[in-house]
Amino acid sequence: MDRKNFFKQACFAGVCFCGFSSISGLATSNTSPVEDNNKQLNQDWLSDLLSNLNQELGEDILRSIIKKSSIVHYNNLNMDALLADYVGDLDKFNTYIESAWGWKIDYNKTAKVLIADENKANCVCPVLEHKKGLNTSAICYCSEGFAEKMFSYVTGGPVTATVISSVRRGDKSCKYKIEMP
């Protein structure tokens, strides 16, 4: 199961109460024209906000703000419960995300650096649909925060995650550099 389908199934199973499924289009029920219009309004508003923030704020401030917001999605997916079987066993977790999400993992144990490649040609963000021609790459900082929380929980210590490649930035796939102390 890839990451997007995992999030979709988690939301449908009642794990995600955050409302992102209605914003991101994950809901599969029949929607009314009003609901479709509201979804479009939410997507357009958030896209415009992120584009404006990209133009108005320095990267460090923008990264800090957006990264902190990732906890909402993480908690609403009840990720700690999903990750519980992998705590203390990074190799087992890496095997899981490679097989279940289709990610490619390159882990240098000596350097304590992991490169996680989502291995998809599309942005899997369930919060904001990707709009070509509009710079919404600030949402990638949310992915950094999510990855930091996820890998920190599994390893039992703080990690730093950086998006080093992003579909939203014109790259082939989204990749994260995870650094462990």
N, C-alpha and C. Protein backbone atom coordinates (compact mmCIF):
# COMPACT_ATOMS: atom_id res chain seq x y z
N MET A 1 0.86 -1.17 0.00
CA MET A 1 0.00 0.00 0.00
C MET A 1 0.90 1.23 0.00
N ASP A 2 0.64 2.18 -0.90
CA ASP A 2 1.45 3.39 -0.91
C ASP A 2 0.95 4.36 0.15
N ARG A 3 1.72 5.43 0.37
CA ARG A 3 1.43 6.38 1.46
C ARG A 3 0.07 7.03 1.29
N LYS A 4 -0.25 7.44 0.06
CA LYS A 4 -1.53 8.11 -0.17
C LYS A 4 -2.69 7.17 0.15
N ASN A 5 -2.58 5.92 -0.31
CA ASN A 5 -3.65 4.96 -0.02
C ASN A 5 -3.71 4.62 1.46
N PHE A 6 -2.54 4.59 2.12
CA PHE A 6 -2.54 4.38 3.57
C PHE A 6 -3.33 5.49 4.25
N PHE A 7 -3.05 6.75 3.90
CA PHE A 7 -3.75 7.87 4.52
C PHE A 7 -5.24 7.80 4.21
N LYS A 8 -5.55 7.44 2.99
CA LYS A 8 -6.95 7.33 2.60
C LYS A 8 -7.65 6.27 3.45
N GLN A 9 -7.02 5.10 3.58
CA GLN A 9 -7.63 4.03 4.37
C GLN A 9 -7.70 4.40 5.85
N ALA A 10 -6.66 5.07 6.34
CA ALA A 10 -6.68 5.48 7.75
C ALA A 10 -7.83 6.45 8.00
N CYS A 11 -8.03 7.38 7.08
CA CYS A 11 -9.12 8.34 7.25
C CYS A 11 -10.48 7.63 7.17
N PHE A 12 -10.62 6.71 6.23
CA PHE A 12 -11.89 6.01 6.09
C PHE A 12 -12.16 5.11 7.29
N ALA A 13 -11.09 4.63 7.93
CA ALA A 13 -11.25 3.75 9.09
C ALA A 13 -11.57 4.54 10.35
N GLY A 14 -11.62 5.85 10.23
CA GLY A 14 -11.96 6.67 11.39
C GLY A 14 -10.76 7.12 12.19
N VAL A 15 -9.57 6.81 11.71
CA VAL A 15 -8.37 7.21 12.42
C VAL A 15 -8.14 8.71 12.24
N CYS A 16 -8.50 9.24 11.10
CA CYS A 16 -8.24 10.65 10.80
C CYS A 16 -9.52 11.45 10.99
N PHE A 17 -9.51 12.34 11.97
CA PHE A 17 -10.66 13.19 12.22
C PHE A 17 -10.37 14.63 11.83
N CYS A 18 -9.29 14.84 11.11
CA CYS A 18 -8.79 16.19 10.88
C CYS A 18 -9.57 16.93 9.80
N GLY A 19 -10.35 16.26 9.02
CA GLY A 19 -11.09 16.95 7.97
C GLY A 19 -10.30 17.12 6.69
N PHE A 20 -9.04 16.67 6.69
CA PHE A 20 -8.24 16.83 5.48
C PHE A 20 -8.79 15.99 4.34
N SER A 21 -9.51 14.93 4.67
CA SER A 21 -10.04 14.12 3.58
C SER A 21 -11.01 14.92 2.72
N SER A 22 -11.77 15.80 3.34
CA SER A 22 -12.69 16.61 2.53
C SER A 22 -11.95 17.70 1.78
N ILE A 23 -10.85 18.22 2.37
CA ILE A 23 -10.07 19.25 1.70
C ILE A 23 -9.28 18.65 0.56
N SER A 24 -8.72 17.45 0.77
CA SER A 24 -7.80 16.89 -0.21
C SER A 24 -8.47 16.02 -1.26
N GLY A 25 -9.76 15.77 -1.13
CA GLY A 25 -10.44 14.98 -2.14
C GLY A 25 -10.36 13.49 -1.89
N LEU A 26 -10.00 13.08 -0.68
CA LEU A 26 -9.91 11.66 -0.40
C LEU A 26 -11.27 11.02 -0.22
N ALA A 27 -12.25 11.79 0.14
CA ALA A 27 -13.58 11.23 0.35
C ALA A 27 -14.12 10.73 -0.99
N THR A 28 -14.74 9.56 -0.96
CA THR A 28 -15.24 8.99 -2.21
C THR A 28 -16.76 9.01 -2.28
N SER A 29 -17.41 9.54 -1.26
CA SER A 29 -18.87 9.56 -1.30
C SER A 29 -19.33 10.58 -2.33
N ASN A 30 -20.58 10.44 -2.72
CA ASN A 30 -21.13 11.41 -3.66
C ASN A 30 -21.19 12.77 -2.98
N THR A 31 -20.70 13.76 -3.66
CA THR A 31 -20.69 15.10 -3.08
C THR A 31 -21.64 15.99 -3.87
N SER A 32 -22.17 16.95 -3.17
CA SER A 32 -23.07 17.90 -3.81
C SER A 32 -22.24 18.99 -4.49
N PRO A 33 -22.86 19.75 -5.39
CA PRO A 33 -22.15 20.87 -6.01
C PRO A 33 -21.63 21.87 -4.98
N VAL A 34 -22.36 22.06 -3.88
CA VAL A 34 -21.91 22.97 -2.83
C VAL A 34 -20.64 22.43 -2.17
N GLU A 35 -20.62 21.12 -1.87
CA GLU A 35 -19.43 20.51 -1.27
C GLU A 35 -18.25 20.58 -2.23
N ASP A 36 -18.50 20.32 -3.51
CA ASP A 36 -17.43 20.43 -4.51
C ASP A 36 -16.89 21.85 -4.57
N ASN A 37 -17.79 22.84 -4.52
CA ASN A 37 -17.38 24.23 -4.55
C ASN A 37 -16.57 24.58 -3.29
N ASN A 38 -17.00 24.07 -2.12
CA ASN A 38 -16.27 24.32 -0.88
C ASN A 38 -14.88 23.69 -0.92
N LYS A 39 -14.79 22.49 -1.48
CA LYS A 39 -13.49 21.83 -1.61
C LYS A 39 -12.59 22.69 -2.50
N GLN A 40 -13.12 23.14 -3.61
CA GLN A 40 -12.34 23.97 -4.52
C GLN A 40 -11.91 25.27 -3.84
N LEU A 41 -12.83 25.88 -3.08
CA LEU A 41 -12.51 27.09 -2.35
C LEU A 41 -11.38 26.84 -1.36
N ASN A 42 -11.47 25.75 -0.59
CA ASN A 42 -10.43 25.41 0.38
C ASN A 42 -9.08 25.19 -0.30
N GLN A 43 -9.09 24.45 -1.39
CA GLN A 43 -7.85 24.18 -2.12
C GLN A 43 -7.25 25.47 -2.69
N ASP A 44 -8.08 26.29 -3.30
CA ASP A 44 -7.59 27.54 -3.88
C ASP A 44 -7.07 28.49 -2.81
N TRP A 45 -7.78 28.58 -1.69
CA TRP A 45 -7.38 29.47 -0.61
C TRP A 45 -6.04 29.03 -0.02
N LEU A 46 -5.92 27.74 0.26
CA LEU A 46 -4.68 27.23 0.84
C LEU A 46 -3.52 27.36 -0.14
N SER A 47 -3.76 27.08 -1.40
CA SER A 47 -2.72 27.23 -2.42
C SER A 47 -2.24 28.67 -2.50
N ASP A 48 -3.18 29.60 -2.51
CA ASP A 48 -2.84 31.01 -2.59
C ASP A 48 -2.09 31.45 -1.32
N LEU A 49 -2.54 31.00 -0.16
CA LEU A 49 -1.87 31.33 1.09
C LEU A 49 -0.42 30.87 1.06
N LEU A 50 -0.18 29.63 0.69
CA LEU A 50 1.18 29.11 0.66
C LEU A 50 2.04 29.83 -0.36
N SER A 51 1.47 30.14 -1.50
CA SER A 51 2.21 30.89 -2.52
C SER A 51 2.60 32.27 -1.99
N ASN A 52 1.67 32.94 -1.33
CA ASN A 52 1.95 34.26 -0.76
C ASN A 52 2.98 34.18 0.37
N LEU A 53 2.86 33.17 1.22
CA LEU A 53 3.83 33.00 2.29
C LEU A 53 5.24 32.76 1.74
N ASN A 54 5.31 31.98 0.66
CA ASN A 54 6.60 31.75 0.00
C ASN A 54 7.24 33.07 -0.43
N GLN A 55 6.41 34.01 -0.88
CA GLN A 55 6.91 35.29 -1.38
C GLN A 55 7.23 36.26 -0.24
N GLU A 56 6.51 36.16 0.87
CA GLU A 56 6.60 37.18 1.91
C GLU A 56 7.52 36.83 3.09
N LEU A 57 7.72 35.55 3.35
CA LEU A 57 8.48 35.15 4.53
C LEU A 57 9.81 34.53 4.13
N GLY A 58 10.78 34.70 4.99
CA GLY A 58 12.05 34.03 4.79
C GLY A 58 11.88 32.53 4.99
N GLU A 59 12.78 31.77 4.40
CA GLU A 59 12.66 30.32 4.43
C GLU A 59 12.67 29.76 5.85
N ASP A 60 13.52 30.28 6.72
CA ASP A 60 13.60 29.74 8.08
C ASP A 60 12.30 29.92 8.86
N ILE A 61 11.69 31.09 8.75
CA ILE A 61 10.43 31.35 9.45
C ILE A 61 9.31 30.51 8.85
N LEU A 62 9.23 30.48 7.54
CA LEU A 62 8.21 29.69 6.85
C LEU A 62 8.33 28.22 7.21
N ARG A 63 9.56 27.69 7.18
CA ARG A 63 9.79 26.28 7.52
C ARG A 63 9.32 26.00 8.95
N SER A 64 9.67 26.87 9.88
CA SER A 64 9.30 26.68 11.28
C SER A 64 7.79 26.64 11.47
N ILE A 65 7.09 27.55 10.85
CA ILE A 65 5.63 27.63 11.00
C ILE A 65 4.95 26.40 10.40
N ILE A 66 5.29 26.07 9.17
CA ILE A 66 4.62 24.96 8.47
C ILE A 66 4.99 23.63 9.11
N LYS A 67 6.26 23.46 9.49
CA LYS A 67 6.70 22.21 10.12
C LYS A 67 5.91 21.92 11.39
N LYS A 68 5.70 22.95 12.20
CA LYS A 68 4.97 22.77 13.45
C LYS A 68 3.53 22.33 13.20
N SER A 69 2.97 22.73 12.10
CA SER A 69 1.58 22.37 11.78
C SER A 69 1.43 20.90 11.41
N SER A 70 2.52 20.23 11.09
CA SER A 70 2.44 18.82 10.69
C SER A 70 1.92 17.92 11.81
N ILE A 71 2.06 18.36 13.04
CA ILE A 71 1.62 17.54 14.18
C ILE A 71 0.12 17.29 14.15
N VAL A 72 -0.62 18.21 13.57
CA VAL A 72 -2.08 18.03 13.47
C VAL A 72 -2.40 16.79 12.64
N HIS A 73 -1.77 16.68 11.49
CA HIS A 73 -2.02 15.53 10.62
C HIS A 73 -1.48 14.25 11.25
N TYR A 74 -0.28 14.32 11.81
CA TYR A 74 0.34 13.16 12.46
C TYR A 74 -0.57 12.61 13.56
N ASN A 75 -1.02 13.49 14.44
CA ASN A 75 -1.87 13.05 15.55
C ASN A 75 -3.22 12.54 15.07
N ASN A 76 -3.79 13.17 14.08
CA ASN A 76 -5.10 12.74 13.60
C ASN A 76 -5.04 11.41 12.87
N LEU A 77 -3.88 11.03 12.40
CA LEU A 77 -3.72 9.71 11.79
C LEU A 77 -3.35 8.65 12.85
N ASN A 78 -3.20 9.11 14.10
CA ASN A 78 -2.83 8.21 15.18
C ASN A 78 -1.57 7.42 14.83
N MET A 79 -0.57 8.16 14.34
CA MET A 79 0.66 7.53 13.86
C MET A 79 1.41 6.78 14.95
N ASP A 80 1.37 7.27 16.19
CA ASP A 80 2.08 6.55 17.25
C ASP A 80 1.57 5.11 17.36
N ALA A 81 0.29 4.91 17.21
CA ALA A 81 -0.27 3.55 17.26
C ALA A 81 0.20 2.72 16.07
N LEU A 82 0.22 3.32 14.88
CA LEU A 82 0.68 2.60 13.69
C LEU A 82 2.15 2.23 13.82
N LEU A 83 2.94 3.12 14.40
CA LEU A 83 4.39 2.93 14.49
C LEU A 83 4.83 2.09 15.69
N ALA A 84 3.94 1.80 16.60
CA ALA A 84 4.29 1.14 17.85
C ALA A 84 5.09 -0.15 17.64
N ASP A 85 4.76 -0.93 16.64
CA ASP A 85 5.46 -2.20 16.38
C ASP A 85 6.89 -1.99 15.88
N TYR A 86 7.24 -0.77 15.50
CA TYR A 86 8.56 -0.51 14.91
C TYR A 86 9.49 0.27 15.85
N VAL A 87 9.00 0.68 17.01
CA VAL A 87 9.81 1.47 17.94
C VAL A 87 11.07 0.68 18.30
N GLY A 88 12.21 1.33 18.12
CA GLY A 88 13.49 0.71 18.44
C GLY A 88 14.03 -0.19 17.35
N ASP A 89 13.32 -0.34 16.25
CA ASP A 89 13.77 -1.22 15.16
C ASP A 89 13.63 -0.50 13.83
N LEU A 90 14.56 0.40 13.56
CA LEU A 90 14.52 1.20 12.34
C LEU A 90 14.59 0.33 11.09
N ASP A 91 15.38 -0.74 11.13
CA ASP A 91 15.47 -1.62 9.96
C ASP A 91 14.11 -2.24 9.63
N LYS A 92 13.39 -2.66 10.65
CA LYS A 92 12.06 -3.24 10.45
C LYS A 92 11.11 -2.18 9.88
N PHE A 93 11.19 -0.96 10.40
CA PHE A 93 10.34 0.12 9.89
C PHE A 93 10.68 0.44 8.44
N ASN A 94 11.98 0.49 8.12
CA ASN A 94 12.39 0.76 6.75
C ASN A 94 11.86 -0.30 5.80
N THR A 95 11.93 -1.55 6.22
CA THR A 95 11.39 -2.65 5.40
C THR A 95 9.89 -2.47 5.20
N TYR A 96 9.21 -2.06 6.25
CA TYR A 96 7.76 -1.84 6.16
C TYR A 96 7.42 -0.74 5.15
N ILE A 97 8.08 0.41 5.26
CA ILE A 97 7.71 1.50 4.35
C ILE A 97 8.15 1.22 2.91
N GLU A 98 9.17 0.39 2.75
CA GLU A 98 9.53 0.00 1.38
C GLU A 98 8.47 -0.93 0.79
N SER A 99 8.01 -1.89 1.58
CA SER A 99 7.04 -2.85 1.04
C SER A 99 5.62 -2.29 1.02
N ALA A 100 5.20 -1.60 2.07
CA ALA A 100 3.81 -1.13 2.16
C ALA A 100 3.59 0.19 1.42
N TRP A 101 4.55 1.09 1.44
CA TRP A 101 4.37 2.40 0.82
C TRP A 101 5.12 2.54 -0.50
N GLY A 102 5.98 1.57 -0.82
CA GLY A 102 6.73 1.62 -2.07
C GLY A 102 7.92 2.58 -2.05
N TRP A 103 8.31 3.00 -0.86
CA TRP A 103 9.45 3.92 -0.74
C TRP A 103 10.75 3.17 -1.03
N LYS A 104 11.78 3.93 -1.40
CA LYS A 104 13.14 3.40 -1.52
C LYS A 104 13.96 4.02 -0.39
N ILE A 105 14.62 3.18 0.38
CA ILE A 105 15.38 3.63 1.53
C ILE A 105 16.86 3.33 1.32
N ASP A 106 17.68 4.33 1.55
CA ASP A 106 19.13 4.17 1.54
C ASP A 106 19.63 4.66 2.90
N TYR A 107 20.06 3.72 3.75
CA TYR A 107 20.44 4.05 5.11
C TYR A 107 21.92 3.78 5.34
N ASN A 108 22.66 4.84 5.62
CA ASN A 108 24.07 4.73 5.97
C ASN A 108 24.17 4.73 7.49
N LYS A 109 24.31 3.54 8.06
CA LYS A 109 24.32 3.40 9.53
C LYS A 109 25.53 4.08 10.16
N THR A 110 26.65 4.09 9.45
CA THR A 110 27.85 4.72 9.99
C THR A 110 27.66 6.23 10.12
N ALA A 111 27.14 6.85 9.07
CA ALA A 111 26.93 8.30 9.07
C ALA A 111 25.63 8.69 9.77
N LYS A 112 24.78 7.70 10.04
CA LYS A 112 23.46 7.92 10.63
C LYS A 112 22.61 8.87 9.79
N VAL A 113 22.64 8.61 8.49
CA VAL A 113 21.87 9.40 7.53
C VAL A 113 21.05 8.44 6.68
N LEU A 114 19.79 8.74 6.57
CA LEU A 114 18.86 7.93 5.81
C LEU A 114 18.27 8.80 4.71
N ILE A 115 18.25 8.29 3.49
CA ILE A 115 17.57 8.97 2.39
C ILE A 115 16.32 8.15 2.09
N ALA A 116 15.18 8.79 2.24
CA ALA A 116 13.89 8.13 1.99
C ALA A 116 13.28 8.75 0.74
N ASP A 117 13.09 7.94 -0.27
CA ASP A 117 12.52 8.37 -1.55
C ASP A 117 11.10 7.80 -1.63
N GLU A 118 10.10 8.70 -1.73
CA GLU A 118 8.72 8.23 -1.83
C GLU A 118 8.49 7.42 -3.11
N ASN A 119 9.35 7.60 -4.10
CA ASN A 119 9.31 6.77 -5.31
C ASN A 119 8.00 6.90 -6.08
N LYS A 120 7.51 8.13 -6.15
CA LYS A 120 6.27 8.39 -6.89
C LYS A 120 6.45 9.67 -7.70
N ALA A 121 5.85 9.72 -8.85
CA ALA A 121 5.96 10.88 -9.73
C ALA A 121 4.93 11.96 -9.41
N ASN A 122 4.12 11.72 -8.40
CA ASN A 122 3.11 12.70 -8.00
C ASN A 122 3.27 13.05 -6.53
N CYS A 123 2.78 14.21 -6.16
CA CYS A 123 2.79 14.62 -4.77
C CYS A 123 1.69 13.85 -4.03
N VAL A 124 2.03 13.21 -2.95
CA VAL A 124 1.06 12.40 -2.21
C VAL A 124 0.43 13.15 -1.05
N CYS A 125 0.72 14.44 -0.93
CA CYS A 125 0.19 15.23 0.18
C CYS A 125 -1.34 15.16 0.21
N PRO A 126 -1.90 14.69 1.33
CA PRO A 126 -3.35 14.61 1.43
C PRO A 126 -3.99 15.94 1.83
N VAL A 127 -3.17 16.94 2.13
CA VAL A 127 -3.69 18.22 2.60
C VAL A 127 -4.00 19.16 1.45
N LEU A 128 -3.16 19.14 0.42
CA LEU A 128 -3.28 20.12 -0.65
C LEU A 128 -2.96 19.49 -1.99
N GLU A 129 -3.91 19.54 -2.89
CA GLU A 129 -3.67 19.03 -4.23
C GLU A 129 -2.59 19.88 -4.90
N HIS A 130 -1.78 19.23 -5.71
CA HIS A 130 -0.69 19.92 -6.40
C HIS A 130 -1.24 20.68 -7.60
N LYS A 131 -0.95 21.97 -7.62
CA LYS A 131 -1.37 22.81 -8.75
C LYS A 131 -0.13 23.26 -9.48
N LYS A 132 0.01 22.83 -10.71
CA LYS A 132 1.15 23.24 -11.50
C LYS A 132 1.05 24.73 -11.79
N GLY A 133 2.20 25.39 -11.78
CA GLY A 133 2.24 26.81 -12.08
C GLY A 133 2.06 27.70 -10.88
N LEU A 134 1.76 27.13 -9.72
CA LEU A 134 1.59 27.90 -8.49
C LEU A 134 2.55 27.33 -7.45
N ASN A 135 3.39 28.16 -6.87
CA ASN A 135 4.39 27.68 -5.93
C ASN A 135 3.77 27.41 -4.57
N THR A 136 3.46 26.15 -4.34
CA THR A 136 2.92 25.70 -3.05
C THR A 136 3.93 24.80 -2.33
N SER A 137 5.19 24.94 -2.70
CA SER A 137 6.22 24.05 -2.14
C SER A 137 6.42 24.23 -0.65
N ALA A 138 5.89 25.28 -0.05
CA ALA A 138 6.00 25.44 1.41
C ALA A 138 5.34 24.28 2.14
N ILE A 139 4.38 23.63 1.52
CA ILE A 139 3.72 22.49 2.15
C ILE A 139 4.72 21.35 2.39
N CYS A 140 5.84 21.36 1.67
CA CYS A 140 6.87 20.34 1.86
C CYS A 140 7.49 20.42 3.26
N TYR A 141 7.44 21.60 3.87
CA TYR A 141 7.94 21.72 5.24
C TYR A 141 7.05 20.94 6.21
N CYS A 142 5.79 20.80 5.88
CA CYS A 142 4.90 19.96 6.67
C CYS A 142 5.37 18.51 6.59
N SER A 143 5.75 18.08 5.40
CA SER A 143 6.28 16.72 5.24
C SER A 143 7.55 16.52 6.04
N GLU A 144 8.39 17.55 6.11
CA GLU A 144 9.60 17.47 6.93
C GLU A 144 9.23 17.23 8.39
N GLY A 145 8.27 18.00 8.89
CA GLY A 145 7.84 17.84 10.27
C GLY A 145 7.25 16.48 10.54
N PHE A 146 6.43 16.00 9.59
CA PHE A 146 5.81 14.69 9.72
C PHE A 146 6.89 13.61 9.77
N ALA A 147 7.86 13.69 8.85
CA ALA A 147 8.94 12.70 8.80
C ALA A 147 9.77 12.75 10.08
N GLU A 148 10.04 13.96 10.58
CA GLU A 148 10.80 14.08 11.82
C GLU A 148 10.08 13.40 12.98
N LYS A 149 8.80 13.65 13.10
CA LYS A 149 8.03 13.05 14.19
C LYS A 149 8.00 11.53 14.03
N MET A 150 7.77 11.06 12.81
CA MET A 150 7.66 9.63 12.54
C MET A 150 8.97 8.91 12.84
N PHE A 151 10.08 9.40 12.28
CA PHE A 151 11.36 8.73 12.50
C PHE A 151 11.87 8.92 13.93
N SER A 152 11.56 10.05 14.56
CA SER A 152 11.94 10.25 15.96
C SER A 152 11.23 9.24 16.85
N TYR A 153 9.97 9.01 16.57
CA TYR A 153 9.21 8.05 17.37
C TYR A 153 9.79 6.64 17.21
N VAL A 154 10.11 6.26 15.99
CA VAL A 154 10.64 4.93 15.73
C VAL A 154 12.03 4.76 16.35
N THR A 155 12.89 5.76 16.20
CA THR A 155 14.27 5.63 16.69
C THR A 155 14.39 5.91 18.18
N GLY A 156 13.41 6.59 18.76
CA GLY A 156 13.47 6.91 20.17
C GLY A 156 14.33 8.12 20.48
N GLY A 157 14.69 8.88 19.47
CA GLY A 157 15.51 10.07 19.67
C GLY A 157 15.22 11.10 18.60
N PRO A 158 15.69 12.31 18.79
CA PRO A 158 15.41 13.37 17.81
C PRO A 158 16.13 13.12 16.49
N VAL A 159 15.46 13.44 15.42
CA VAL A 159 16.05 13.39 14.08
C VAL A 159 15.75 14.73 13.40
N THR A 160 16.49 14.99 12.35
CA THR A 160 16.24 16.16 11.52
C THR A 160 15.89 15.67 10.13
N ALA A 161 14.78 16.14 9.60
CA ALA A 161 14.36 15.76 8.25
C ALA A 161 14.39 16.98 7.35
N THR A 162 14.88 16.78 6.14
CA THR A 162 14.92 17.85 5.15
C THR A 162 14.44 17.27 3.82
N VAL A 163 13.52 17.97 3.18
CA VAL A 163 13.11 17.57 1.84
C VAL A 163 14.23 17.97 0.90
N ILE A 164 14.82 16.99 0.22
CA ILE A 164 15.92 17.27 -0.69
C ILE A 164 15.49 17.18 -2.15
N SER A 165 14.28 16.70 -2.37
CA SER A 165 13.73 16.59 -3.71
C SER A 165 12.21 16.61 -3.56
N SER A 166 11.54 17.32 -4.46
CA SER A 166 10.09 17.45 -4.33
C SER A 166 9.42 17.56 -5.70
N VAL A 167 8.35 16.84 -5.86
CA VAL A 167 7.56 16.93 -7.08
C VAL A 167 7.06 18.36 -7.25
N ARG A 168 6.68 18.99 -6.16
CA ARG A 168 6.19 20.38 -6.21
C ARG A 168 7.27 21.35 -6.66
N ARG A 169 8.52 20.96 -6.50
CA ARG A 169 9.63 21.81 -6.92
C ARG A 169 10.16 21.40 -8.29
N GLY A 170 9.45 20.48 -8.94
CA GLY A 170 9.83 20.06 -10.29
C GLY A 170 10.70 18.83 -10.37
N ASP A 171 10.93 18.15 -9.23
CA ASP A 171 11.76 16.95 -9.23
C ASP A 171 10.93 15.71 -9.57
N LYS A 172 11.62 14.60 -9.86
CA LYS A 172 10.96 13.35 -10.24
C LYS A 172 10.15 12.72 -9.12
N SER A 173 10.63 12.85 -7.88
CA SER A 173 9.93 12.27 -6.73
C SER A 173 10.32 13.06 -5.49
N CYS A 174 9.64 12.79 -4.41
CA CYS A 174 9.93 13.46 -3.14
C CYS A 174 10.90 12.60 -2.34
N LYS A 175 11.97 13.26 -1.88
CA LYS A 175 12.99 12.55 -1.10
C LYS A 175 13.28 13.36 0.16
N TYR A 176 13.55 12.63 1.22
CA TYR A 176 13.88 13.21 2.51
C TYR A 176 15.24 12.75 2.96
N LYS A 177 15.99 13.65 3.54
CA LYS A 177 17.24 13.31 4.21
C LYS A 177 16.94 13.31 5.70
N ILE A 178 17.10 12.16 6.34
CA ILE A 178 16.85 12.02 7.77
C ILE A 178 18.20 11.86 8.45
N GLU A 179 18.51 12.80 9.33
CA GLU A 179 19.78 12.75 10.05
C GLU A 179 19.52 12.45 11.52
N MET A 180 20.27 11.46 12.03
CA MET A 180 20.13 11.05 13.42
C MET A 180 21.41 11.37 14.17
N PRO A 181 21.28 11.84 15.41
CA PRO A 181 22.49 12.17 16.19
C PRO A 181 23.31 10.94 16.54
